[in-house]
Amino acid sequence: MSRPIRSFLFVPGDSEKKLSKVGHSTADAVILDLEDAVTSSRKDLARELVTEFIRSHASEGGAPQLWVRINPLDSGLALSDLAAVVPSMPAGLVIPKIDGPSDVVRVHHYLEALESASGIAAGAIRVLPVATETAIAPFRLGDFADAGLSRLYGLTWGAEDLSAALGATTNLAPDGQWANTYQLVRSLTLMGARAAEVEAVETLYVDIRDGEGLAESSRRARAEGFSGRIAIHPAQVDIINAAFTPTAAEVEYATRVVEAFAAGVGAVALDGRMLDLPHLKQAQRVLALQSATDA
């Protein structure tokens, strides 16, 4: 398996200062933002800066993958974003505020035409939709499994735009955790992604000063099945990377599980526990992830 992207770091597309620091980032991927981080008066400038930055840095070995968040399809800006950035060949595109797979299929067709016109291999540019930012979108998460989107990298979710779409005054419960609506949407995103056999990417952690909270939240997310997370500040990146990398103890236990099943039996006892096929598959995933990380 190729290693899933553990960390996606947002960088405003119109900030030359912040763009200049991308090459030093330890993020697996950087999302050069043309949407929320850029005011309407600076959209053209952001397109120019992002396009030139990708052209200048995309081939640098060991650097983060360069992704771009375009503007929403209904904004009237998305096609201009695509026409500007696709010829520079970003690794992928983040698509905000979709209503369902049909919107991603629409972007896929735009990309097919632009890739062909630019001499880029068909499907080379991946897509990551933010698949829960409108009121209808969560109902369609399961439809990604049958959408036939070969360039779909994964699904991620967002609580801020969804709460605005719902007219909510908060997306948090009194204990500071996600309110029930957003817990439901998060779970559906995870299941929708895995049903489509793509990656599930956890949403951002708002409090950039709370490293311990971010670490614990990220460890829980990986334990549940998420493979990476969005970062909104450089200080969050290393914490996220560590949380989404198997620990030495996990690798050691997974190795023992695989060895225990080597005789071809359907169930084994290990450390006082009975293990069967799902445990073997999880252990194999841990070892494959570690192998890809080492590579």
C-alpha atoms as a PDB file:
ATOM      1  CA  MET A   1       0.000   0.000   0.000  1.00  0.00           C
ATOM      2  CA  SER A   2       1.092   3.601  -0.534  1.00  0.00           C
ATOM      3  CA  ARG A   3       1.278   5.533   2.676  1.00  0.00           C
ATOM      4  CA  PRO A   4      -1.864   7.535   3.413  1.00  0.00           C
ATOM      5  CA  ILE A   5      -1.343  11.255   3.876  1.00  0.00           C
ATOM      6  CA  ARG A   6      -1.162  11.792   7.631  1.00  0.00           C
ATOM      7  CA  SER A   7      -1.244  15.594   7.662  1.00  0.00           C
ATOM      8  CA  PHE A   8      -2.748  18.185   5.328  1.00  0.00           C
ATOM      9  CA  LEU A   9      -1.625  21.721   6.267  1.00  0.00           C
ATOM     10  CA  PHE A  10      -3.668  24.684   5.031  1.00  0.00           C
ATOM     11  CA  VAL A  11      -1.676  27.645   3.678  1.00  0.00           C
ATOM     12  CA  PRO A  12      -3.317  30.831   2.313  1.00  0.00           C
ATOM     13  CA  GLY A  13      -2.717  31.013  -1.411  1.00  0.00           C
ATOM     14  CA  ASP A  14      -2.248  34.774  -1.440  1.00  0.00           C
ATOM     15  CA  SER A  15       0.487  34.933   1.222  1.00  0.00           C
ATOM     16  CA  GLU A  16       3.978  34.961  -0.293  1.00  0.00           C
ATOM     17  CA  LYS A  17       5.455  34.885   3.204  1.00  0.00           C
ATOM     18  CA  LYS A  18       3.616  31.707   4.189  1.00  0.00           C
ATOM     19  CA  LEU A  19       4.164  30.080   0.810  1.00  0.00           C
ATOM     20  CA  SER A  20       7.907  30.613   1.225  1.00  0.00           C
ATOM     21  CA  LYS A  21       7.849  28.378   4.306  1.00  0.00           C
ATOM     22  CA  VAL A  22       6.114  25.419   2.659  1.00  0.00           C
ATOM     23  CA  GLY A  23       9.331  23.714   1.621  1.00  0.00           C
ATOM     24  CA  HIS A  24      10.401  23.461   5.257  1.00  0.00           C
ATOM     25  CA  SER A  25       7.122  21.950   6.424  1.00  0.00           C
ATOM     26  CA  THR A  26       7.036  18.403   7.758  1.00  0.00           C
ATOM     27  CA  ALA A  27       3.436  18.012   6.562  1.00  0.00           C
ATOM     28  CA  ASP A  28       2.800  15.144   4.179  1.00  0.00           C
ATOM     29  CA  ALA A  29       0.701  17.508   2.064  1.00  0.00           C
ATOM     30  CA  VAL A  30       0.054  21.242   1.937  1.00  0.00           C
ATOM     31  CA  ILE A  31      -3.286  22.634   0.786  1.00  0.00           C
ATOM     32  CA  LEU A  32      -2.749  25.944  -0.998  1.00  0.00           C
ATOM     33  CA  ASP A  33      -6.039  27.668  -0.302  1.00  0.00           C
ATOM     34  CA  LEU A  34      -7.959  29.696  -2.869  1.00  0.00           C
ATOM     35  CA  GLU A  35     -11.210  29.670  -0.893  1.00  0.00           C
ATOM     36  CA  ASP A  36     -11.884  30.860   2.655  1.00  0.00           C
ATOM     37  CA  ALA A  37      -8.389  32.173   3.409  1.00  0.00           C
ATOM     38  CA  VAL A  38      -8.461  34.524   0.399  1.00  0.00           C
ATOM     39  CA  THR A  39     -10.669  37.623   0.127  1.00  0.00           C
ATOM     40  CA  SER A  40     -12.612  38.184  -3.087  1.00  0.00           C
ATOM     41  CA  SER A  41     -10.339  41.051  -4.133  1.00  0.00           C
ATOM     42  CA  ARG A  42      -7.267  38.791  -3.981  1.00  0.00           C
ATOM     43  CA  LYS A  43      -8.558  35.684  -5.782  1.00  0.00           C
ATOM     44  CA  ASP A  44      -6.712  36.473  -9.032  1.00  0.00           C
ATOM     45  CA  LEU A  45      -3.475  37.146  -7.175  1.00  0.00           C
ATOM     46  CA  ALA A  46      -3.832  33.910  -5.239  1.00  0.00           C
ATOM     47  CA  ARG A  47      -4.301  31.905  -8.446  1.00  0.00           C
ATOM     48  CA  GLU A  48      -1.147  33.421  -9.914  1.00  0.00           C
ATOM     49  CA  LEU A  49       0.930  32.838  -6.776  1.00  0.00           C
ATOM     50  CA  VAL A  50      -0.300  29.271  -6.308  1.00  0.00           C
ATOM     51  CA  THR A  51       0.221  28.318  -9.939  1.00  0.00           C
ATOM     52  CA  GLU A  52       3.753  29.713 -10.006  1.00  0.00           C
ATOM     53  CA  PHE A  53       4.561  28.106  -6.660  1.00  0.00           C
ATOM     54  CA  ILE A  54       3.482  24.645  -7.854  1.00  0.00           C
ATOM     55  CA  ARG A  55       5.440  25.011 -11.092  1.00  0.00           C
ATOM     56  CA  SER A  56       8.542  25.974  -9.135  1.00  0.00           C
ATOM     57  CA  HIS A  57       8.332  23.417  -6.340  1.00  0.00           C
ATOM     58  CA  ALA A  58       6.280  20.381  -7.395  1.00  0.00           C
ATOM     59  CA  SER A  59       9.338  18.331  -8.367  1.00  0.00           C
ATOM     60  CA  GLU A  60      11.272  18.890  -5.134  1.00  0.00           C
ATOM     61  CA  GLY A  61      12.102  15.566  -3.536  1.00  0.00           C
ATOM     62  CA  GLY A  62      11.107  15.126   0.093  1.00  0.00           C
ATOM     63  CA  ALA A  63       8.835  18.179   0.030  1.00  0.00           C
ATOM     64  CA  PRO A  64       5.134  18.015   0.921  1.00  0.00           C
ATOM     65  CA  GLN A  65       2.643  17.122  -1.777  1.00  0.00           C
ATOM     66  CA  LEU A  66       1.042  20.291  -3.136  1.00  0.00           C
ATOM     67  CA  TRP A  67      -2.748  20.311  -3.155  1.00  0.00           C
ATOM     68  CA  VAL A  68      -5.122  23.203  -3.904  1.00  0.00           C
ATOM     69  CA  ARG A  69      -8.500  24.012  -2.376  1.00  0.00           C
ATOM     70  CA  ILE A  70     -10.620  25.552  -5.091  1.00  0.00           C
ATOM     71  CA  ASN A  71     -13.702  27.702  -4.565  1.00  0.00           C
ATOM     72  CA  PRO A  72     -17.159  26.074  -4.447  1.00  0.00           C
ATOM     73  CA  LEU A  73     -18.756  25.029  -7.717  1.00  0.00           C
ATOM     74  CA  ASP A  74     -21.660  27.429  -7.262  1.00  0.00           C
ATOM     75  CA  SER A  75     -19.394  30.435  -6.576  1.00  0.00           C
ATOM     76  CA  GLY A  76     -18.645  31.170 -10.225  1.00  0.00           C
ATOM     77  CA  LEU A  77     -14.932  30.921  -9.404  1.00  0.00           C
ATOM     78  CA  ALA A  78     -14.206  27.197  -9.546  1.00  0.00           C
ATOM     79  CA  LEU A  79     -13.658  26.951 -13.294  1.00  0.00           C
ATOM     80  CA  SER A  80     -11.230  29.859 -13.209  1.00  0.00           C
ATOM     81  CA  ASP A  81      -9.398  28.133 -10.356  1.00  0.00           C
ATOM     82  CA  LEU A  82      -9.175  24.873 -12.279  1.00  0.00           C
ATOM     83  CA  ALA A  83      -8.072  26.502 -15.529  1.00  0.00           C
ATOM     84  CA  ALA A  84      -5.312  28.332 -13.674  1.00  0.00           C
ATOM     85  CA  VAL A  85      -3.883  25.582 -11.482  1.00  0.00           C
ATOM     86  CA  VAL A  86      -4.355  22.323 -13.405  1.00  0.00           C
ATOM     87  CA  PRO A  87      -1.595  22.991 -15.999  1.00  0.00           C
ATOM     88  CA  SER A  88       0.903  23.293 -13.131  1.00  0.00           C
ATOM     89  CA  MET A  89      -0.136  19.757 -12.045  1.00  0.00           C
ATOM     90  CA  PRO A  90      -0.915  19.866  -8.332  1.00  0.00           C
ATOM     91  CA  ALA A  91      -0.995  16.505  -6.595  1.00  0.00           C
ATOM     92  CA  GLY A  92      -4.652  16.969  -5.777  1.00  0.00           C
ATOM     93  CA  LEU A  93      -7.613  19.271  -5.283  1.00  0.00           C
ATOM     94  CA  VAL A  94      -9.786  19.827  -2.226  1.00  0.00           C
ATOM     95  CA  ILE A  95     -13.394  20.477  -3.278  1.00  0.00           C
ATOM     96  CA  PRO A  96     -15.500  22.389  -0.717  1.00  0.00           C
ATOM     97  CA  LYS A  97     -19.249  22.620  -0.145  1.00  0.00           C
ATOM     98  CA  ILE A  98     -20.356  19.783  -2.384  1.00  0.00           C
ATOM     99  CA  ASP A  99     -23.889  18.411  -2.301  1.00  0.00           C
ATOM    100  CA  GLY A 100     -22.836  14.866  -3.165  1.00  0.00           C
ATOM    101  CA  PRO A 101     -20.867  12.644  -5.555  1.00  0.00           C
ATOM    102  CA  SER A 102     -22.433  14.257  -8.642  1.00  0.00           C
ATOM    103  CA  ASP A 103     -20.536  17.465  -7.888  1.00  0.00           C
ATOM    104  CA  VAL A 104     -17.281  15.525  -7.664  1.00  0.00           C
ATOM    105  CA  VAL A 105     -18.092  13.763 -10.950  1.00  0.00           C
ATOM    106  CA  ARG A 106     -18.559  17.207 -12.487  1.00  0.00           C
ATOM    107  CA  VAL A 107     -15.104  18.274 -11.314  1.00  0.00           C
ATOM    108  CA  HIS A 108     -13.726  14.964 -12.581  1.00  0.00           C
ATOM    109  CA  HIS A 109     -14.988  15.749 -16.090  1.00  0.00           C
ATOM    110  CA  TYR A 110     -13.479  19.239 -15.967  1.00  0.00           C
ATOM    111  CA  LEU A 111     -10.186  17.685 -14.901  1.00  0.00           C
ATOM    112  CA  GLU A 112     -10.280  15.123 -17.701  1.00  0.00           C
ATOM    113  CA  ALA A 113     -10.501  17.920 -20.269  1.00  0.00           C
ATOM    114  CA  LEU A 114      -7.878  20.104 -18.607  1.00  0.00           C
ATOM    115  CA  GLU A 115      -5.456  17.219 -18.062  1.00  0.00           C
ATOM    116  CA  SER A 116      -5.759  16.254 -21.718  1.00  0.00           C
ATOM    117  CA  ALA A 117      -5.214  19.841 -22.878  1.00  0.00           C
ATOM    118  CA  SER A 118      -2.161  20.165 -20.616  1.00  0.00           C
ATOM    119  CA  GLY A 119      -0.562  16.850 -21.563  1.00  0.00           C
ATOM    120  CA  ILE A 120      -1.117  15.437 -18.091  1.00  0.00           C
ATOM    121  CA  ALA A 121      -1.903  11.751 -17.614  1.00  0.00           C
ATOM    122  CA  ALA A 122      -5.608  11.148 -17.127  1.00  0.00           C
ATOM    123  CA  GLY A 123      -6.475  10.838 -13.447  1.00  0.00           C
ATOM    124  CA  ALA A 124      -3.095  12.106 -12.232  1.00  0.00           C
ATOM    125  CA  ILE A 125      -4.706  14.806 -10.102  1.00  0.00           C
ATOM    126  CA  ARG A 126      -6.532  13.342  -7.081  1.00  0.00           C
ATOM    127  CA  VAL A 127      -9.553  14.867  -5.354  1.00  0.00           C
ATOM    128  CA  LEU A 128     -10.566  15.173  -1.706  1.00  0.00           C
ATOM    129  CA  PRO A 129     -14.100  16.525  -1.242  1.00  0.00           C
ATOM    130  CA  VAL A 130     -15.191  18.180   1.975  1.00  0.00           C
ATOM    131  CA  ALA A 131     -18.280  16.035   1.880  1.00  0.00           C
ATOM    132  CA  THR A 132     -20.493  17.395   4.682  1.00  0.00           C
ATOM    133  CA  GLU A 133     -20.696  21.190   4.379  1.00  0.00           C
ATOM    134  CA  THR A 134     -24.279  21.451   3.112  1.00  0.00           C
ATOM    135  CA  ALA A 135     -27.463  20.173   4.708  1.00  0.00           C
ATOM    136  CA  ILE A 136     -28.086  17.566   1.971  1.00  0.00           C
ATOM    137  CA  ALA A 137     -24.510  16.284   1.683  1.00  0.00           C
ATOM    138  CA  PRO A 138     -24.433  13.910   4.700  1.00  0.00           C
ATOM    139  CA  PHE A 139     -27.367  11.954   3.282  1.00  0.00           C
ATOM    140  CA  ARG A 140     -25.285  11.133   0.179  1.00  0.00           C
ATOM    141  CA  LEU A 141     -22.041   9.969   1.766  1.00  0.00           C
ATOM    142  CA  GLY A 142     -22.828   6.315   1.084  1.00  0.00           C
ATOM    143  CA  ASP A 143     -23.298   7.057  -2.613  1.00  0.00           C
ATOM    144  CA  PHE A 144     -19.542   7.531  -3.082  1.00  0.00           C
ATOM    145  CA  ALA A 145     -19.176   3.754  -2.938  1.00  0.00           C
ATOM    146  CA  ASP A 146     -20.929   3.434  -6.326  1.00  0.00           C
ATOM    147  CA  ALA A 147     -19.746   6.683  -7.929  1.00  0.00           C
ATOM    148  CA  GLY A 148     -16.854   5.113  -9.850  1.00  0.00           C
ATOM    149  CA  LEU A 149     -14.451   7.962  -9.034  1.00  0.00           C
ATOM    150  CA  SER A 150     -11.010   6.473  -9.579  1.00  0.00           C
ATOM    151  CA  ARG A 151      -9.284   9.776  -8.765  1.00  0.00           C
ATOM    152  CA  LEU A 152     -11.027  10.032  -5.378  1.00  0.00           C
ATOM    153  CA  TYR A 153      -8.315  10.074  -2.686  1.00  0.00           C
ATOM    154  CA  GLY A 154     -10.682  10.167   0.252  1.00  0.00           C
ATOM    155  CA  LEU A 155     -13.425  12.045   2.075  1.00  0.00           C
ATOM    156  CA  THR A 156     -13.143  14.636   4.790  1.00  0.00           C
ATOM    157  CA  TRP A 157     -15.751  16.510   6.764  1.00  0.00           C
ATOM    158  CA  GLY A 158     -16.236  19.957   8.252  1.00  0.00           C
ATOM    159  CA  ALA A 159     -18.360  21.262  11.089  1.00  0.00           C
ATOM    160  CA  GLU A 160     -18.121  25.030  10.641  1.00  0.00           C
ATOM    161  CA  ASP A 161     -19.867  25.430   7.286  1.00  0.00           C
ATOM    162  CA  LEU A 162     -22.359  22.715   8.167  1.00  0.00           C
ATOM    163  CA  SER A 163     -23.384  24.494  11.353  1.00  0.00           C
ATOM    164  CA  ALA A 164     -23.873  27.685   9.320  1.00  0.00           C
ATOM    165  CA  ALA A 165     -25.982  25.766   6.789  1.00  0.00           C
ATOM    166  CA  LEU A 166     -28.127  24.397   9.623  1.00  0.00           C
ATOM    167  CA  GLY A 167     -28.566  27.755  11.323  1.00  0.00           C
ATOM    168  CA  ALA A 168     -26.865  26.442  14.460  1.00  0.00           C
ATOM    169  CA  THR A 169     -25.299  28.748  17.018  1.00  0.00           C
ATOM    170  CA  THR A 170     -22.745  26.101  18.001  1.00  0.00           C
ATOM    171  CA  ASN A 171     -21.523  22.695  16.855  1.00  0.00           C
ATOM    172  CA  LEU A 172     -20.346  21.676  20.324  1.00  0.00           C
ATOM    173  CA  ALA A 173     -22.056  19.961  23.240  1.00  0.00           C
ATOM    174  CA  PRO A 174     -21.808  21.448  26.767  1.00  0.00           C
ATOM    175  CA  ASP A 175     -18.803  19.205  27.511  1.00  0.00           C
ATOM    176  CA  GLY A 176     -16.858  20.705  24.596  1.00  0.00           C
ATOM    177  CA  GLN A 177     -17.152  17.608  22.394  1.00  0.00           C
ATOM    178  CA  TRP A 178     -18.974  17.550  19.074  1.00  0.00           C
ATOM    179  CA  ALA A 179     -22.750  17.847  19.418  1.00  0.00           C
ATOM    180  CA  ASN A 180     -24.756  14.805  18.351  1.00  0.00           C
ATOM    181  CA  THR A 181     -25.407  16.071  14.826  1.00  0.00           C
ATOM    182  CA  TYR A 182     -21.700  16.481  14.125  1.00  0.00           C
ATOM    183  CA  GLN A 183     -20.749  13.176  15.744  1.00  0.00           C
ATOM    184  CA  LEU A 184     -23.232  11.536  13.383  1.00  0.00           C
ATOM    185  CA  VAL A 185     -21.824  13.331  10.337  1.00  0.00           C
ATOM    186  CA  ARG A 186     -18.270  12.432  11.340  1.00  0.00           C
ATOM    187  CA  SER A 187     -19.167   8.748  11.656  1.00  0.00           C
ATOM    188  CA  LEU A 188     -20.977   8.755   8.317  1.00  0.00           C
ATOM    189  CA  THR A 189     -17.931  10.311   6.655  1.00  0.00           C
ATOM    190  CA  LEU A 190     -15.722   7.542   8.022  1.00  0.00           C
ATOM    191  CA  MET A 191     -18.139   4.840   6.883  1.00  0.00           C
ATOM    192  CA  GLY A 192     -18.729   6.486   3.511  1.00  0.00           C
ATOM    193  CA  ALA A 193     -15.003   6.680   2.853  1.00  0.00           C
ATOM    194  CA  ARG A 194     -14.329   3.093   3.809  1.00  0.00           C
ATOM    195  CA  ALA A 195     -17.335   1.875   1.819  1.00  0.00           C
ATOM    196  CA  ALA A 196     -15.816   3.633  -1.208  1.00  0.00           C
ATOM    197  CA  GLU A 197     -12.421   2.078  -0.323  1.00  0.00           C
ATOM    198  CA  VAL A 198     -10.741   5.470   0.019  1.00  0.00           C
ATOM    199  CA  GLU A 199      -9.118   7.321   2.911  1.00  0.00           C
ATOM    200  CA  ALA A 200     -11.031   9.013   5.726  1.00  0.00           C
ATOM    201  CA  VAL A 201      -9.483  12.348   6.722  1.00  0.00           C
ATOM    202  CA  GLU A 202     -10.333  13.829  10.110  1.00  0.00           C
ATOM    203  CA  THR A 203     -11.362  17.480  10.272  1.00  0.00           C
ATOM    204  CA  LEU A 204      -9.319  20.269  11.844  1.00  0.00           C
ATOM    205  CA  TYR A 205      -8.727  20.829  15.561  1.00  0.00           C
ATOM    206  CA  VAL A 206      -9.640  24.431  16.291  1.00  0.00           C
ATOM    207  CA  ASP A 207      -7.539  25.176  19.397  1.00  0.00           C
ATOM    208  CA  ILE A 208      -4.022  25.593  18.007  1.00  0.00           C
ATOM    209  CA  ARG A 209      -2.593  26.023  21.546  1.00  0.00           C
ATOM    210  CA  ASP A 210      -3.880  22.688  22.832  1.00  0.00           C
ATOM    211  CA  GLY A 211      -1.241  20.224  21.658  1.00  0.00           C
ATOM    212  CA  GLU A 212      -2.208  17.552  24.182  1.00  0.00           C
ATOM    213  CA  GLY A 213      -5.844  17.728  23.160  1.00  0.00           C
ATOM    214  CA  LEU A 214      -4.906  17.506  19.489  1.00  0.00           C
ATOM    215  CA  ALA A 215      -2.685  14.482  20.130  1.00  0.00           C
ATOM    216  CA  GLU A 216      -5.361  12.617  22.075  1.00  0.00           C
ATOM    217  CA  SER A 217      -8.088  13.499  19.572  1.00  0.00           C
ATOM    218  CA  SER A 218      -5.887  12.379  16.670  1.00  0.00           C
ATOM    219  CA  ARG A 219      -4.954   9.096  18.343  1.00  0.00           C
ATOM    220  CA  ARG A 220      -8.641   8.379  18.868  1.00  0.00           C
ATOM    221  CA  ALA A 221      -9.373   9.234  15.253  1.00  0.00           C
ATOM    222  CA  ARG A 222      -6.761   6.776  13.973  1.00  0.00           C
ATOM    223  CA  ALA A 223      -8.047   4.100  16.344  1.00  0.00           C
ATOM    224  CA  GLU A 224     -11.508   4.573  14.843  1.00  0.00           C
ATOM    225  CA  GLY A 225     -10.255   4.283  11.255  1.00  0.00           C
ATOM    226  CA  PHE A 226      -9.256   7.756  10.069  1.00  0.00           C
ATOM    227  CA  SER A 227      -5.896   7.790   8.279  1.00  0.00           C
ATOM    228  CA  GLY A 228      -4.952  11.469   8.502  1.00  0.00           C
ATOM    229  CA  ARG A 229      -6.009  14.916   9.599  1.00  0.00           C
ATOM    230  CA  ILE A 230      -6.188  18.525   8.464  1.00  0.00           C
ATOM    231  CA  ALA A 231      -3.910  21.024  10.229  1.00  0.00           C
ATOM    232  CA  ILE A 232      -4.535  24.753  10.376  1.00  0.00           C
ATOM    233  CA  HIS A 233      -1.214  25.760  11.991  1.00  0.00           C
ATOM    234  CA  PRO A 234       2.338  24.502  11.412  1.00  0.00           C
ATOM    235  CA  ALA A 235       2.671  23.636  15.107  1.00  0.00           C
ATOM    236  CA  GLN A 236      -0.008  20.972  14.694  1.00  0.00           C
ATOM    237  CA  VAL A 237       1.754  19.025  11.946  1.00  0.00           C
ATOM    238  CA  ASP A 238       4.284  16.964  13.909  1.00  0.00           C
ATOM    239  CA  ILE A 239       1.656  16.097  16.512  1.00  0.00           C
ATOM    240  CA  ILE A 240      -0.681  14.817  13.812  1.00  0.00           C
ATOM    241  CA  ASN A 241       2.079  12.896  12.026  1.00  0.00           C
ATOM    242  CA  ALA A 242       3.030  11.127  15.236  1.00  0.00           C
ATOM    243  CA  ALA A 243      -0.563  10.245  16.066  1.00  0.00           C
ATOM    244  CA  PHE A 244      -1.195   8.708  12.638  1.00  0.00           C
ATOM    245  CA  THR A 245       2.014   6.656  12.594  1.00  0.00           C
ATOM    246  CA  PRO A 246       1.938   3.197  14.232  1.00  0.00           C
ATOM    247  CA  THR A 247       3.877   3.061  17.484  1.00  0.00           C
ATOM    248  CA  ALA A 248       6.660   0.542  18.081  1.00  0.00           C
ATOM    249  CA  ALA A 249       4.355  -1.345  20.453  1.00  0.00           C
ATOM    250  CA  GLU A 250       1.615  -1.526  17.823  1.00  0.00           C
ATOM    251  CA  VAL A 251       4.046  -2.826  15.212  1.00  0.00           C
ATOM    252  CA  GLU A 252       5.424  -5.422  17.623  1.00  0.00           C
ATOM    253  CA  TYR A 253       1.935  -6.677  18.508  1.00  0.00           C
ATOM    254  CA  ALA A 254       0.809  -6.709  14.868  1.00  0.00           C
ATOM    255  CA  THR A 255       3.876  -8.779  13.973  1.00  0.00           C
ATOM    256  CA  ARG A 256       2.991 -11.317  16.648  1.00  0.00           C
ATOM    257  CA  VAL A 257      -0.611 -11.483  15.416  1.00  0.00           C
ATOM    258  CA  VAL A 258       0.474 -12.177  11.846  1.00  0.00           C
ATOM    259  CA  GLU A 259       2.936 -14.807  13.027  1.00  0.00           C
ATOM    260  CA  ALA A 260       0.243 -16.464  15.116  1.00  0.00           C
ATOM    261  CA  PHE A 261      -1.928 -16.896  11.999  1.00  0.00           C
ATOM    262  CA  ALA A 262       0.984 -18.231   9.900  1.00  0.00           C
ATOM    263  CA  ALA A 263      -0.191 -21.819  10.272  1.00  0.00           C
ATOM    264  CA  GLY A 264      -3.332 -21.007   8.301  1.00  0.00           C
ATOM    265  CA  VAL A 265      -5.802 -21.473  11.137  1.00  0.00           C
ATOM    266  CA  GLY A 266      -8.992 -19.438  11.334  1.00  0.00           C
ATOM    267  CA  ALA A 267      -8.677 -18.406  14.978  1.00  0.00           C
ATOM    268  CA  VAL A 268      -5.799 -18.230  17.452  1.00  0.00           C
ATOM    269  CA  ALA A 269      -5.221 -17.450  21.104  1.00  0.00           C
ATOM    270  CA  LEU A 270      -2.739 -14.698  21.889  1.00  0.00           C
ATOM    271  CA  ASP A 271      -2.096 -13.079  25.272  1.00  0.00           C
ATOM    272  CA  GLY A 272      -5.279 -14.620  26.636  1.00  0.00           C
ATOM    273  CA  ARG A 273      -7.480 -13.306  23.807  1.00  0.00           C
ATOM    274  CA  MET A 274      -9.158 -15.192  20.968  1.00  0.00           C
ATOM    275  CA  LEU A 275      -8.391 -13.585  17.619  1.00  0.00           C
ATOM    276  CA  ASP A 276      -9.968 -14.229  14.220  1.00  0.00           C
ATOM    277  CA  LEU A 277      -9.805 -12.840  10.673  1.00  0.00           C
ATOM    278  CA  PRO A 278     -10.715  -9.186  11.451  1.00  0.00           C
ATOM    279  CA  HIS A 279      -7.811  -9.031  13.920  1.00  0.00           C
ATOM    280  CA  LEU A 280      -5.455 -10.429  11.289  1.00  0.00           C
ATOM    281  CA  LYS A 281      -6.601  -7.857   8.721  1.00  0.00           C
ATOM    282  CA  GLN A 282      -6.046  -5.018  11.192  1.00  0.00           C
ATOM    283  CA  ALA A 283      -2.568  -6.309  12.039  1.00  0.00           C
ATOM    284  CA  GLN A 284      -1.701  -6.564   8.351  1.00  0.00           C
ATOM    285  CA  ARG A 285      -2.861  -2.983   7.841  1.00  0.00           C
ATOM    286  CA  VAL A 286      -0.640  -1.748  10.670  1.00  0.00           C
ATOM    287  CA  LEU A 287       2.393  -3.523   9.198  1.00  0.00           C
ATOM    288  CA  ALA A 288       1.649  -2.292   5.679  1.00  0.00           C
ATOM    289  CA  LEU A 289       1.321   1.259   6.963  1.00  0.00           C
ATOM    290  CA  GLN A 290       4.595   0.989   8.862  1.00  0.00           C
ATOM    291  CA  SER A 291       6.320  -0.466   5.811  1.00  0.00           C
ATOM    292  CA  ALA A 292       5.043   2.369   3.623  1.00  0.00           C
ATOM    293  CA  THR A 293       6.126   4.938   6.205  1.00  0.00           C
ATOM    294  CA  ASP A 294       9.616   3.450   6.378  1.00  0.00           C
ATOM    295  CA  ALA A 295       9.855   3.445   2.577  1.00  0.00           C
END
